[in-house]
Amino acid sequence: MAVTFTTDGSVVRSGIVATVVFGPCRVDTTTPAPTTPKPAQCSPLGSAPTTALAIKTAGTIITTNVDTVTYDNQQTCTWFIQSPTAGLCPGLNFTAFDTEDCCDKLYLYDGWDNNTITSGNYFAQLSGDDNPVPFTLYSSLPQMAVMFSTDGSNIESGITATVVFGPCRVETTTAAPTTPPPAQCSPLGSAPTETLAIKTAGTIITTNVNTTTYDDEQECVWYFKSPTAGLCPGLNFTAFETESCCDKLDLYDGWVDESSDPDSFFTELSGSYQLPFAVYSNQSMLTVRFHSDSSAVRTGIIASVVFGPCRTNTVVIPTPPTTSTSTT
């Protein structure tokens, strides 16, 4: 008996262990190898870019793998869908989506003429497992082509979606489910000039507008100037919650262009504090800079611009700080 083991050039596994034995000779002519799992199968099969063969029934289930826990390497599925109702466009309501992020992708196309897929003019390309289900994507035309393609390496649990017909997509591109807008410093546009410095009492300063947290790697810089001789600019904090180690608010006397200035820097705030509290410059001008690192985020900072007595001694921050809580 001769035994040969061969491998290809991609994924490896834990291998084979066997013991040599001598016993009765095999009398049957062939012995089938142990049953291997059946290949993943696209469903439904047989749709084509014709009115007769296109999928036209709402509720039809589209899946990359039937009766298997994953799709296959080097697998391709193509579906063609047509709306049966004038004024409505075909779409897919995704209820499961998990593919290899880099290389196993689902492409959606408006229409299905002969050049649709070969042209590469898809309106959405989806992969990975970051798409929160359920979500729905529609074509902008009465027909839609869908193609799933995998490479030769890792596989995941695949895609399941239901055919729907609804409002046609009116935007030129549709991304996978909407991501939250980035946090935005407010107000924007202040600068160390007479014209652009903030000079109005009551102006609200915040690290995040219309979001529940600030962002990782966020930078905010504000410049203030007192409009009244003998008064200095300051901030009255009504909300303060940052990552204590790494997301900090730095305050400088005067206007500074650099991120740090040992001669004008007078305090650094982070974590959380008893509210409200106020901090003033000792000059008619004030620079405030917020910067966060790339890890945890918190609910951020809100303060009102005030003008009052100039600081004459070391900044006293209220104590003890309240317990900060993590926000993911």
Protein backbone atom coordinates (compact mmCIF):
# COMPACT_ATOMS: atom_id res chain seq x y z
CA MET A 1 0.00 0.00 0.00
CA ALA A 2 1.24 3.50 -0.87
CA VAL A 3 -0.06 6.64 0.85
CA THR A 4 0.45 10.18 -0.48
CA PHE A 5 -0.37 13.45 1.32
CA THR A 6 -0.43 16.75 -0.61
CA THR A 7 -1.29 20.35 0.34
CA ASP A 8 -2.11 23.49 -1.63
CA GLY A 9 -0.69 26.97 -1.11
CA SER A 10 -3.26 28.49 1.25
CA VAL A 11 -4.86 27.52 4.61
CA VAL A 12 -3.39 24.76 6.82
CA ARG A 13 -4.95 22.62 9.55
CA SER A 14 -3.76 20.40 12.45
CA GLY A 15 -2.95 17.42 10.20
CA ILE A 16 -3.24 13.61 10.34
CA VAL A 17 -2.07 10.92 12.78
CA ALA A 18 -2.43 7.20 11.97
CA THR A 19 -1.02 3.88 13.24
CA VAL A 20 0.24 1.11 10.91
CA VAL A 21 -1.72 -2.13 11.32
CA PHE A 22 -1.70 -5.54 9.63
CA GLY A 23 -4.96 -7.42 9.32
CA PRO A 24 -7.51 -8.97 6.97
CA CYS A 25 -7.17 -7.82 3.37
CA ARG A 26 -9.95 -5.64 1.97
CA VAL A 27 -12.29 -7.75 -0.14
CA ASP A 28 -14.53 -5.02 -1.57
CA THR A 29 -13.34 -3.31 -4.73
CA THR A 30 -13.63 0.24 -3.42
CA THR A 31 -14.06 1.87 -0.01
CA PRO A 32 -15.46 5.39 -0.10
CA ALA A 33 -13.59 8.01 1.88
CA PRO A 34 -15.39 9.52 4.87
CA THR A 35 -18.23 11.78 3.79
CA THR A 36 -17.09 15.35 3.23
CA PRO A 37 -19.38 18.29 3.89
CA LYS A 38 -21.41 19.27 0.86
CA PRO A 39 -20.40 22.51 -0.80
CA ALA A 40 -22.14 25.75 0.05
CA GLN A 41 -24.83 26.62 -2.48
CA CYS A 42 -26.17 29.98 -3.58
CA SER A 43 -29.94 30.26 -3.31
CA PRO A 44 -32.06 30.68 -5.28
CA LEU A 45 -30.25 29.36 -8.36
CA GLY A 46 -31.16 30.04 -11.96
CA SER A 47 -32.07 33.72 -12.03
CA ALA A 48 -30.93 35.52 -15.18
CA PRO A 49 -31.14 39.05 -16.63
CA THR A 50 -34.40 38.39 -18.45
CA THR A 51 -37.99 39.15 -17.51
CA ALA A 52 -38.80 35.44 -17.47
CA LEU A 53 -35.94 34.36 -15.19
CA ALA A 54 -35.48 37.39 -12.92
CA ILE A 55 -36.62 37.16 -9.29
CA LYS A 56 -39.92 39.06 -9.01
CA THR A 57 -41.47 37.77 -5.76
CA ALA A 58 -41.23 39.78 -2.54
CA GLY A 59 -40.10 37.65 0.39
CA THR A 60 -37.75 35.47 -1.68
CA ILE A 61 -34.79 34.52 0.52
CA ILE A 62 -31.33 35.22 -0.88
CA THR A 63 -28.47 33.35 0.79
CA THR A 64 -24.83 32.51 0.10
CA ASN A 65 -25.05 29.09 1.74
CA VAL A 66 -27.94 26.61 1.97
CA ASP A 67 -27.81 23.99 4.76
CA THR A 68 -24.14 24.81 5.50
CA VAL A 69 -22.72 26.91 8.32
CA THR A 70 -20.40 28.87 6.02
CA TYR A 71 -20.05 29.79 2.37
CA ASP A 72 -17.08 28.36 0.37
CA ASN A 73 -13.75 29.64 -0.86
CA GLN A 74 -13.75 30.75 -4.51
CA GLN A 75 -17.55 30.89 -4.58
CA THR A 76 -19.59 33.16 -6.85
CA CYS A 77 -23.32 33.85 -6.61
CA THR A 78 -25.26 36.09 -8.98
CA TRP A 79 -28.91 37.13 -8.67
CA PHE A 80 -31.08 39.29 -10.93
CA ILE A 81 -34.17 40.95 -9.47
CA GLN A 82 -36.98 42.88 -11.18
CA SER A 83 -39.81 44.89 -9.66
CA PRO A 84 -43.27 43.62 -10.65
CA THR A 85 -44.86 46.98 -9.79
CA ALA A 86 -44.43 50.28 -11.62
CA GLY A 87 -42.89 52.96 -9.46
CA LEU A 88 -41.24 50.53 -7.03
CA CYS A 89 -37.64 49.35 -7.10
CA PRO A 90 -36.09 46.08 -5.92
CA GLY A 91 -34.05 45.91 -2.73
CA LEU A 92 -32.62 43.51 -0.17
CA ASN A 93 -33.43 43.48 3.54
CA PHE A 94 -30.35 41.92 5.17
CA THR A 95 -30.93 39.80 8.28
CA ALA A 96 -27.47 38.17 8.45
CA PHE A 97 -24.16 39.51 7.18
CA ASP A 98 -20.71 38.13 8.03
CA THR A 99 -17.96 37.80 5.41
CA GLU A 100 -14.17 38.04 5.30
CA ASP A 101 -13.72 41.80 5.39
CA CYS A 102 -10.84 42.10 2.96
CA CYS A 103 -11.77 39.68 0.25
CA ASP A 104 -15.32 38.21 0.28
CA LYS A 105 -17.63 40.92 -1.01
CA LEU A 106 -21.23 41.53 -2.05
CA TYR A 107 -21.79 43.96 -4.93
CA LEU A 108 -25.12 45.63 -5.77
CA TYR A 109 -25.82 47.13 -9.19
CA ASP A 110 -28.56 49.36 -10.63
CA GLY A 111 -30.11 47.51 -13.59
CA TRP A 112 -28.92 44.32 -15.29
CA ASP A 113 -28.00 44.93 -18.89
CA ASN A 114 -25.14 42.92 -20.37
CA ASN A 115 -22.49 45.36 -19.12
CA THR A 116 -23.80 45.90 -15.59
CA ILE A 117 -21.56 43.52 -13.66
CA THR A 118 -18.55 43.53 -15.99
CA SER A 119 -18.40 47.33 -15.88
CA GLY A 120 -17.84 47.36 -12.11
CA ASN A 121 -20.28 50.26 -11.65
CA TYR A 122 -21.83 48.98 -8.45
CA PHE A 123 -23.69 51.33 -6.11
CA ALA A 124 -22.74 49.44 -2.94
CA GLN A 125 -19.92 47.10 -1.94
CA LEU A 126 -20.38 45.29 1.38
CA SER A 127 -18.12 42.99 3.41
CA GLY A 128 -17.13 42.15 6.98
CA ASP A 129 -19.42 41.96 10.01
CA ASP A 130 -19.70 45.64 10.97
CA ASN A 131 -23.00 46.16 9.15
CA PRO A 132 -25.68 46.16 11.87
CA VAL A 133 -28.61 44.00 10.78
CA PRO A 134 -31.31 44.37 9.77
CA PHE A 135 -30.72 46.99 7.08
CA THR A 136 -32.15 47.52 3.60
CA LEU A 137 -30.63 48.75 0.33
CA TYR A 138 -32.65 49.61 -2.78
CA SER A 139 -31.80 50.02 -6.45
CA SER A 140 -32.58 53.27 -8.27
CA LEU A 141 -34.00 51.32 -11.22
CA PRO A 142 -36.73 48.65 -11.69
CA GLN A 143 -33.99 46.02 -12.04
CA MET A 144 -31.08 45.15 -9.75
CA ALA A 145 -28.14 42.75 -10.11
CA VAL A 146 -26.39 41.29 -7.04
CA MET A 147 -23.08 39.40 -7.05
CA PHE A 148 -21.22 37.67 -4.22
CA SER A 149 -17.58 36.71 -4.76
CA THR A 150 -15.01 35.08 -2.43
CA ASP A 151 -11.27 34.53 -2.59
CA GLY A 152 -9.34 31.36 -1.70
CA SER A 153 -8.71 31.86 2.02
CA ASN A 154 -10.89 32.47 5.08
CA ILE A 155 -14.65 31.97 5.13
CA GLU A 156 -17.39 33.20 7.48
CA SER A 157 -21.07 32.48 8.18
CA GLY A 158 -22.33 34.35 5.12
CA ILE A 159 -25.29 36.44 4.07
CA THR A 160 -29.06 36.10 4.26
CA ALA A 161 -31.44 38.70 2.82
CA THR A 162 -35.07 38.99 1.79
CA VAL A 163 -36.20 40.47 -1.53
CA VAL A 164 -38.32 43.60 -1.04
CA PHE A 165 -39.85 46.19 -3.37
CA GLY A 166 -40.13 49.77 -2.24
CA PRO A 167 -39.10 53.40 -2.83
CA CYS A 168 -36.40 53.78 -5.46
CA ARG A 169 -33.04 55.05 -4.23
CA VAL A 170 -32.62 58.70 -5.21
CA GLU A 171 -29.02 59.33 -4.10
CA THR A 172 -26.22 58.41 -6.47
CA THR A 173 -24.42 56.25 -3.94
CA THR A 174 -25.66 54.27 -0.99
CA ALA A 175 -23.27 53.19 1.71
CA ALA A 176 -23.91 50.31 4.04
CA PRO A 177 -25.87 51.31 7.13
CA THR A 178 -25.42 54.92 8.18
CA THR A 179 -22.55 55.51 10.57
CA PRO A 180 -22.87 58.09 13.35
CA PRO A 181 -21.69 61.60 12.42
CA PRO A 182 -18.31 62.56 13.82
CA ALA A 183 -18.17 64.60 17.01
CA GLN A 184 -17.62 68.28 16.27
CA CYS A 185 -15.96 70.99 18.33
CA SER A 186 -18.15 74.05 18.84
CA PRO A 187 -17.87 76.82 18.03
CA LEU A 188 -15.54 76.32 15.05
CA GLY A 189 -13.42 78.98 13.41
CA SER A 190 -11.94 80.93 16.30
CA ALA A 191 -8.35 82.10 15.75
CA PRO A 192 -5.77 84.21 17.59
CA THR A 193 -6.82 87.44 15.88
CA GLU A 194 -8.92 90.40 16.98
CA THR A 195 -11.57 89.51 14.40
CA LEU A 196 -11.87 85.76 14.99
CA ALA A 197 -11.34 85.46 18.75
CA ILE A 198 -14.42 84.66 20.87
CA LYS A 199 -15.47 87.83 22.70
CA THR A 200 -19.13 87.19 23.63
CA ALA A 201 -20.09 86.12 27.16
CA GLY A 202 -22.42 83.13 27.25
CA THR A 203 -20.94 81.48 24.16
CA ILE A 204 -21.20 77.70 24.64
CA ILE A 205 -17.99 75.69 24.24
CA THR A 206 -18.37 71.95 23.72
CA THR A 207 -16.28 69.01 22.53
CA ASN A 208 -19.18 67.28 20.80
CA VAL A 209 -22.21 68.71 18.99
CA ASN A 210 -25.22 66.41 18.44
CA THR A 211 -23.27 63.34 19.59
CA THR A 212 -23.24 61.60 22.94
CA THR A 213 -19.43 61.43 23.13
CA TYR A 214 -16.41 63.12 21.66
CA ASP A 215 -14.22 61.11 19.25
CA ASP A 216 -10.90 59.32 19.46
CA GLU A 217 -7.98 61.43 18.22
CA GLN A 218 -10.04 64.64 18.32
CA GLU A 219 -8.55 68.13 18.52
CA CYS A 220 -10.36 71.35 19.47
CA VAL A 221 -8.72 74.77 19.93
CA TRP A 222 -10.48 77.99 20.99
CA TYR A 223 -9.17 81.55 21.40
CA PHE A 224 -10.83 84.15 23.66
CA LYS A 225 -10.38 87.86 24.29
CA SER A 226 -12.04 90.03 26.91
CA PRO A 227 -14.04 92.91 25.43
CA THR A 228 -13.78 94.85 28.71
CA ALA A 229 -10.64 96.38 30.19
CA GLY A 230 -9.78 94.93 33.60
CA LEU A 231 -11.68 91.67 33.05
CA CYS A 232 -10.19 88.37 31.94
CA PRO A 233 -11.75 85.52 29.92
CA GLY A 234 -12.70 82.27 31.61
CA LEU A 235 -14.85 79.16 31.25
CA ASN A 236 -17.72 78.12 33.53
CA PHE A 237 -17.94 74.32 33.23
CA THR A 238 -21.37 72.70 33.43
CA ALA A 239 -20.35 69.26 32.10
CA PHE A 240 -16.96 67.57 32.33
CA GLU A 241 -16.30 63.88 31.66
CA THR A 242 -13.13 62.73 29.83
CA GLU A 243 -10.81 59.73 29.95
CA SER A 244 -8.70 60.65 32.96
CA CYS A 245 -5.35 59.38 31.69
CA CYS A 246 -5.35 60.57 28.15
CA ASP A 247 -8.11 63.00 27.02
CA LYS A 248 -7.17 66.41 28.37
CA LEU A 249 -8.17 70.06 28.29
CA ASP A 250 -5.20 72.44 28.43
CA LEU A 251 -5.58 76.15 29.28
CA TYR A 252 -3.03 78.86 28.44
CA ASP A 253 -2.74 82.52 29.45
CA GLY A 254 -2.70 84.58 26.27
CA TRP A 255 -2.83 83.26 22.71
CA VAL A 256 -0.52 80.40 21.78
CA ASP A 257 -0.25 78.74 18.37
CA GLU A 258 1.64 75.66 19.50
CA SER A 259 0.13 72.68 21.33
CA SER A 260 2.19 73.49 24.41
CA ASP A 261 3.88 76.55 25.86
CA PRO A 262 5.55 76.18 29.28
CA ASP A 263 5.51 79.91 29.84
CA SER A 264 1.77 80.39 29.35
CA PHE A 265 0.27 76.98 30.24
CA PHE A 266 -1.52 77.19 33.59
CA THR A 267 -3.73 74.12 34.02
CA GLU A 268 -4.66 70.74 32.61
CA LEU A 269 -8.07 69.16 33.28
CA SER A 270 -9.20 65.55 32.72
CA GLY A 271 -11.50 62.99 34.28
CA SER A 272 -14.55 64.44 36.04
CA TYR A 273 -15.17 67.16 38.66
CA GLN A 274 -17.84 68.58 40.92
CA LEU A 275 -19.92 70.98 38.83
CA PRO A 276 -20.21 73.80 38.10
CA PHE A 277 -16.77 75.41 38.42
CA ALA A 278 -15.01 78.29 36.66
CA VAL A 279 -11.41 78.86 35.59
CA TYR A 280 -10.01 82.26 34.51
CA SER A 281 -6.94 83.48 32.66
CA ASN A 282 -4.65 86.06 34.23
CA GLN A 283 -4.52 88.04 30.97
CA SER A 284 -7.05 89.58 28.61
CA MET A 285 -6.59 86.61 26.26
CA LEU A 286 -7.02 82.85 26.75
CA THR A 287 -6.25 79.75 24.64
CA VAL A 288 -8.00 76.42 25.33
CA ARG A 289 -7.05 73.14 23.67
CA PHE A 290 -8.78 69.74 23.92
CA HIS A 291 -7.07 66.59 22.65
CA SER A 292 -8.03 62.91 22.96
CA ASP A 293 -6.05 59.73 22.32
CA SER A 294 -7.11 56.72 20.25
CA SER A 295 -8.77 54.61 22.97
CA ALA A 296 -11.77 55.15 25.25
CA VAL A 297 -14.10 58.16 24.94
CA ARG A 298 -16.46 59.85 27.41
CA THR A 299 -19.40 62.25 27.30
CA GLY A 300 -17.19 65.31 26.95
CA ILE A 301 -17.15 68.93 28.05
CA ILE A 302 -19.61 71.84 28.02
CA ALA A 303 -18.67 75.29 29.29
CA SER A 304 -19.91 78.88 28.97
CA VAL A 305 -17.62 81.80 28.20
CA VAL A 306 -17.42 84.28 31.09
CA PHE A 307 -15.46 87.47 31.71
CA GLY A 308 -14.53 88.30 35.28
CA PRO A 309 -11.73 88.92 37.78
CA CYS A 310 -8.32 87.96 36.45
CA ARG A 311 -6.65 84.98 38.11
CA THR A 312 -4.10 86.04 40.70
CA ASN A 313 -3.11 82.73 42.22
CA THR A 314 -2.76 79.03 41.45
CA VAL A 315 -5.83 77.44 39.85
CA VAL A 316 -7.92 75.55 42.38
CA ILE A 317 -9.93 72.71 40.84
CA PRO A 318 -12.92 71.40 42.84
CA THR A 319 -12.33 68.12 44.66
CA PRO A 320 -12.98 65.32 44.99
CA PRO A 321 -13.66 64.32 41.38
CA THR A 322 -16.76 62.30 40.71
CA THR A 323 -16.44 58.73 39.49
CA SER A 324 -16.02 58.60 35.71
CA THR A 325 -17.84 55.99 33.69
CA SER A 326 -16.75 54.45 30.42
CA THR A 327 -18.69 54.97 27.21
CA THR A 328 -18.01 52.67 24.30
